[in-house]
Structure formats: structure tokens, C-alpha cells
Amino acid sequence: MDGERPRPTYVDYKDVELLKKLTNRHGKIVGRRKTGCTAISQHAVTASIKRARFMALMPYKGD
């Protein structure tokens, strides 16, 4: 990673590559200060990550 995190305007739970960039290596969701997202897009990111975890597309815990 080059140090920059994406600022998504639309997030889909099936876009696992984007969602992995928005979590840290432990699997925790990165906060708004680090991502630079607005509150609305951060809520969408959080919901998408949780939905992807429930659908078994992403792990609950990191490596």
C-alpha cells in the first residue's frame, strides 16, 4: 500500500478489494480520520464491511 486510502463515494459489499483497503491488518474497520471519508460514506463502508463478513466474503479477524 502506498499510504493513501481510497475515499469511496459508493461502496458495494461484493467489492472485497476496496473493503480490504479500508480495514487494517487485524481486520478492524479504519476510522474516518485515517480514511478521509465523510460521515455518510463511512457509514456505507461500515455497513458494507459488516455485510461482506456476514456473507463470508471477508474474515471477521485478521491474519
N, C-alpha and C. Protein backbone atom coordinates (compact mmCIF):
# COMPACT_ATOMS: atom_id res chain seq x y z
N MET A 1 0.84 -1.17 0.00
CA MET A 1 0.00 0.00 0.00
C MET A 1 0.89 1.24 0.00
N ASP A 2 0.47 2.26 -0.70
CA ASP A 2 1.29 3.46 -0.84
C ASP A 2 1.01 4.51 0.22
N GLY A 3 0.23 4.19 1.23
CA GLY A 3 -0.04 5.13 2.31
C GLY A 3 -1.34 5.88 2.16
N GLU A 4 -1.92 5.89 0.95
CA GLU A 4 -3.19 6.58 0.74
C GLU A 4 -4.32 5.56 0.75
N ARG A 5 -5.38 5.93 1.41
CA ARG A 5 -6.55 5.07 1.43
C ARG A 5 -7.60 5.67 0.52
N PRO A 6 -8.41 4.85 -0.13
CA PRO A 6 -9.41 5.38 -1.06
C PRO A 6 -10.54 6.09 -0.32
N ARG A 7 -11.12 7.07 -0.97
CA ARG A 7 -12.30 7.76 -0.45
C ARG A 7 -13.49 7.39 -1.31
N PRO A 8 -14.17 6.32 -0.97
CA PRO A 8 -15.25 5.86 -1.85
C PRO A 8 -16.50 6.71 -1.73
N THR A 9 -17.17 6.90 -2.87
CA THR A 9 -18.46 7.58 -2.86
C THR A 9 -19.58 6.55 -2.85
N TYR A 10 -19.33 5.41 -3.50
CA TYR A 10 -20.29 4.31 -3.50
C TYR A 10 -19.55 3.04 -3.11
N VAL A 11 -20.09 2.28 -2.20
CA VAL A 11 -19.43 1.07 -1.72
C VAL A 11 -20.37 -0.11 -1.91
N ASP A 12 -19.84 -1.18 -2.48
CA ASP A 12 -20.61 -2.40 -2.67
C ASP A 12 -19.97 -3.50 -1.82
N TYR A 13 -20.77 -4.30 -1.17
CA TYR A 13 -20.22 -5.32 -0.28
C TYR A 13 -19.49 -6.41 -1.07
N LYS A 14 -19.73 -6.50 -2.38
CA LYS A 14 -19.07 -7.51 -3.19
C LYS A 14 -17.68 -7.06 -3.66
N ASP A 15 -17.36 -5.78 -3.48
CA ASP A 15 -16.05 -5.25 -3.88
C ASP A 15 -15.06 -5.45 -2.73
N VAL A 16 -14.59 -6.68 -2.60
CA VAL A 16 -13.77 -7.07 -1.46
C VAL A 16 -12.40 -6.38 -1.48
N GLU A 17 -11.85 -6.13 -2.65
CA GLU A 17 -10.54 -5.47 -2.74
C GLU A 17 -10.59 -4.07 -2.14
N LEU A 18 -11.63 -3.32 -2.42
CA LEU A 18 -11.79 -1.98 -1.85
C LEU A 18 -12.01 -2.06 -0.34
N LEU A 19 -12.80 -3.02 0.10
CA LEU A 19 -13.09 -3.15 1.52
C LEU A 19 -11.86 -3.57 2.31
N LYS A 20 -10.98 -4.36 1.70
CA LYS A 20 -9.74 -4.75 2.39
C LYS A 20 -8.84 -3.55 2.61
N LYS A 21 -8.89 -2.58 1.71
CA LYS A 21 -8.08 -1.37 1.87
C LYS A 21 -8.60 -0.49 2.99
N LEU A 22 -9.85 -0.68 3.36
CA LEU A 22 -10.47 0.13 4.40
C LEU A 22 -10.48 -0.57 5.76
N THR A 23 -9.77 -1.69 5.86
CA THR A 23 -9.57 -2.35 7.14
C THR A 23 -8.07 -2.47 7.39
N ASN A 24 -7.70 -2.57 8.66
CA ASN A 24 -6.27 -2.73 8.96
C ASN A 24 -5.90 -4.21 8.93
N ARG A 25 -4.67 -4.51 9.25
CA ARG A 25 -4.21 -5.90 9.13
C ARG A 25 -4.82 -6.82 10.17
N HIS A 26 -5.39 -6.26 11.21
CA HIS A 26 -6.06 -7.06 12.23
C HIS A 26 -7.54 -7.30 11.89
N GLY A 27 -8.01 -6.66 10.83
CA GLY A 27 -9.39 -6.83 10.42
C GLY A 27 -10.33 -5.78 10.96
N LYS A 28 -9.81 -4.77 11.67
CA LYS A 28 -10.66 -3.73 12.22
C LYS A 28 -10.96 -2.67 11.15
N ILE A 29 -12.12 -2.09 11.23
CA ILE A 29 -12.52 -1.04 10.30
C ILE A 29 -11.77 0.24 10.66
N VAL A 30 -11.13 0.84 9.68
CA VAL A 30 -10.34 2.05 9.89
C VAL A 30 -11.29 3.24 10.02
N GLY A 31 -10.98 4.14 10.93
CA GLY A 31 -11.83 5.28 11.22
C GLY A 31 -11.80 6.38 10.16
N ARG A 32 -12.66 7.35 10.34
CA ARG A 32 -12.81 8.43 9.38
C ARG A 32 -11.57 9.30 9.28
N ARG A 33 -10.86 9.47 10.36
CA ARG A 33 -9.66 10.31 10.33
C ARG A 33 -8.61 9.75 9.41
N LYS A 34 -8.48 8.43 9.40
CA LYS A 34 -7.48 7.79 8.55
C LYS A 34 -7.95 7.68 7.10
N THR A 35 -9.24 7.37 6.90
CA THR A 35 -9.73 7.16 5.54
C THR A 35 -10.01 8.46 4.82
N GLY A 36 -10.37 9.49 5.56
CA GLY A 36 -10.73 10.75 4.92
C GLY A 36 -12.14 10.75 4.37
N CYS A 37 -12.94 9.77 4.75
CA CYS A 37 -14.31 9.67 4.26
C CYS A 37 -15.21 10.67 4.98
N THR A 38 -16.30 11.00 4.34
CA THR A 38 -17.33 11.77 5.02
C THR A 38 -18.11 10.82 5.93
N ALA A 39 -18.93 11.37 6.79
CA ALA A 39 -19.68 10.53 7.72
C ALA A 39 -20.63 9.60 6.98
N ILE A 40 -21.25 10.10 5.93
CA ILE A 40 -22.22 9.29 5.17
C ILE A 40 -21.51 8.13 4.49
N SER A 41 -20.36 8.41 3.85
CA SER A 41 -19.66 7.33 3.16
C SER A 41 -19.02 6.36 4.15
N GLN A 42 -18.63 6.84 5.34
CA GLN A 42 -18.07 5.95 6.34
C GLN A 42 -19.13 4.99 6.87
N HIS A 43 -20.37 5.48 7.02
CA HIS A 43 -21.46 4.59 7.43
C HIS A 43 -21.71 3.53 6.36
N ALA A 44 -21.62 3.92 5.09
CA ALA A 44 -21.80 2.97 3.99
C ALA A 44 -20.68 1.94 3.98
N VAL A 45 -19.45 2.39 4.24
CA VAL A 45 -18.31 1.48 4.30
C VAL A 45 -18.49 0.47 5.42
N THR A 46 -18.87 0.95 6.59
CA THR A 46 -19.06 0.07 7.75
C THR A 46 -20.14 -0.96 7.49
N ALA A 47 -21.25 -0.53 6.93
CA ALA A 47 -22.34 -1.46 6.63
C ALA A 47 -21.92 -2.49 5.59
N SER A 48 -21.16 -2.06 4.59
CA SER A 48 -20.71 -2.98 3.55
C SER A 48 -19.71 -4.00 4.09
N ILE A 49 -18.80 -3.56 4.96
CA ILE A 49 -17.84 -4.48 5.55
C ILE A 49 -18.55 -5.51 6.42
N LYS A 50 -19.50 -5.06 7.20
CA LYS A 50 -20.24 -5.98 8.06
C LYS A 50 -21.07 -6.96 7.22
N ARG A 51 -21.64 -6.48 6.14
CA ARG A 51 -22.43 -7.36 5.26
C ARG A 51 -21.51 -8.38 4.57
N ALA A 52 -20.33 -7.93 4.14
CA ALA A 52 -19.38 -8.84 3.48
C ALA A 52 -18.89 -9.90 4.47
N ARG A 53 -18.71 -9.53 5.72
CA ARG A 53 -18.31 -10.51 6.73
C ARG A 53 -19.40 -11.53 6.96
N PHE A 54 -20.65 -11.07 7.02
CA PHE A 54 -21.78 -11.97 7.23
C PHE A 54 -21.94 -12.93 6.07
N MET A 55 -21.67 -12.46 4.85
CA MET A 55 -21.80 -13.29 3.66
C MET A 55 -20.55 -14.14 3.42
N ALA A 56 -19.59 -14.09 4.34
CA ALA A 56 -18.36 -14.87 4.31
C ALA A 56 -17.45 -14.48 3.15
N LEU A 57 -17.50 -13.22 2.73
CA LEU A 57 -16.59 -12.73 1.71
C LEU A 57 -15.31 -12.18 2.34
N MET A 58 -15.43 -11.76 3.60
CA MET A 58 -14.28 -11.23 4.35
C MET A 58 -14.25 -11.91 5.71
N PRO A 59 -13.06 -12.05 6.29
CA PRO A 59 -12.98 -12.66 7.63
C PRO A 59 -13.33 -11.66 8.72
N TYR A 60 -13.80 -12.15 9.84
CA TYR A 60 -14.05 -11.29 10.99
C TYR A 60 -12.76 -10.87 11.66
N LYS A 61 -11.77 -11.76 11.66
CA LYS A 61 -10.48 -11.48 12.27
C LYS A 61 -9.42 -11.41 11.19
N GLY A 62 -8.37 -10.65 11.46
CA GLY A 62 -7.25 -10.56 10.52
C GLY A 62 -6.32 -11.75 10.66
N ASP A 63 -5.25 -11.72 9.92
CA ASP A 63 -4.28 -12.82 9.95
C ASP A 63 -3.44 -12.82 11.19
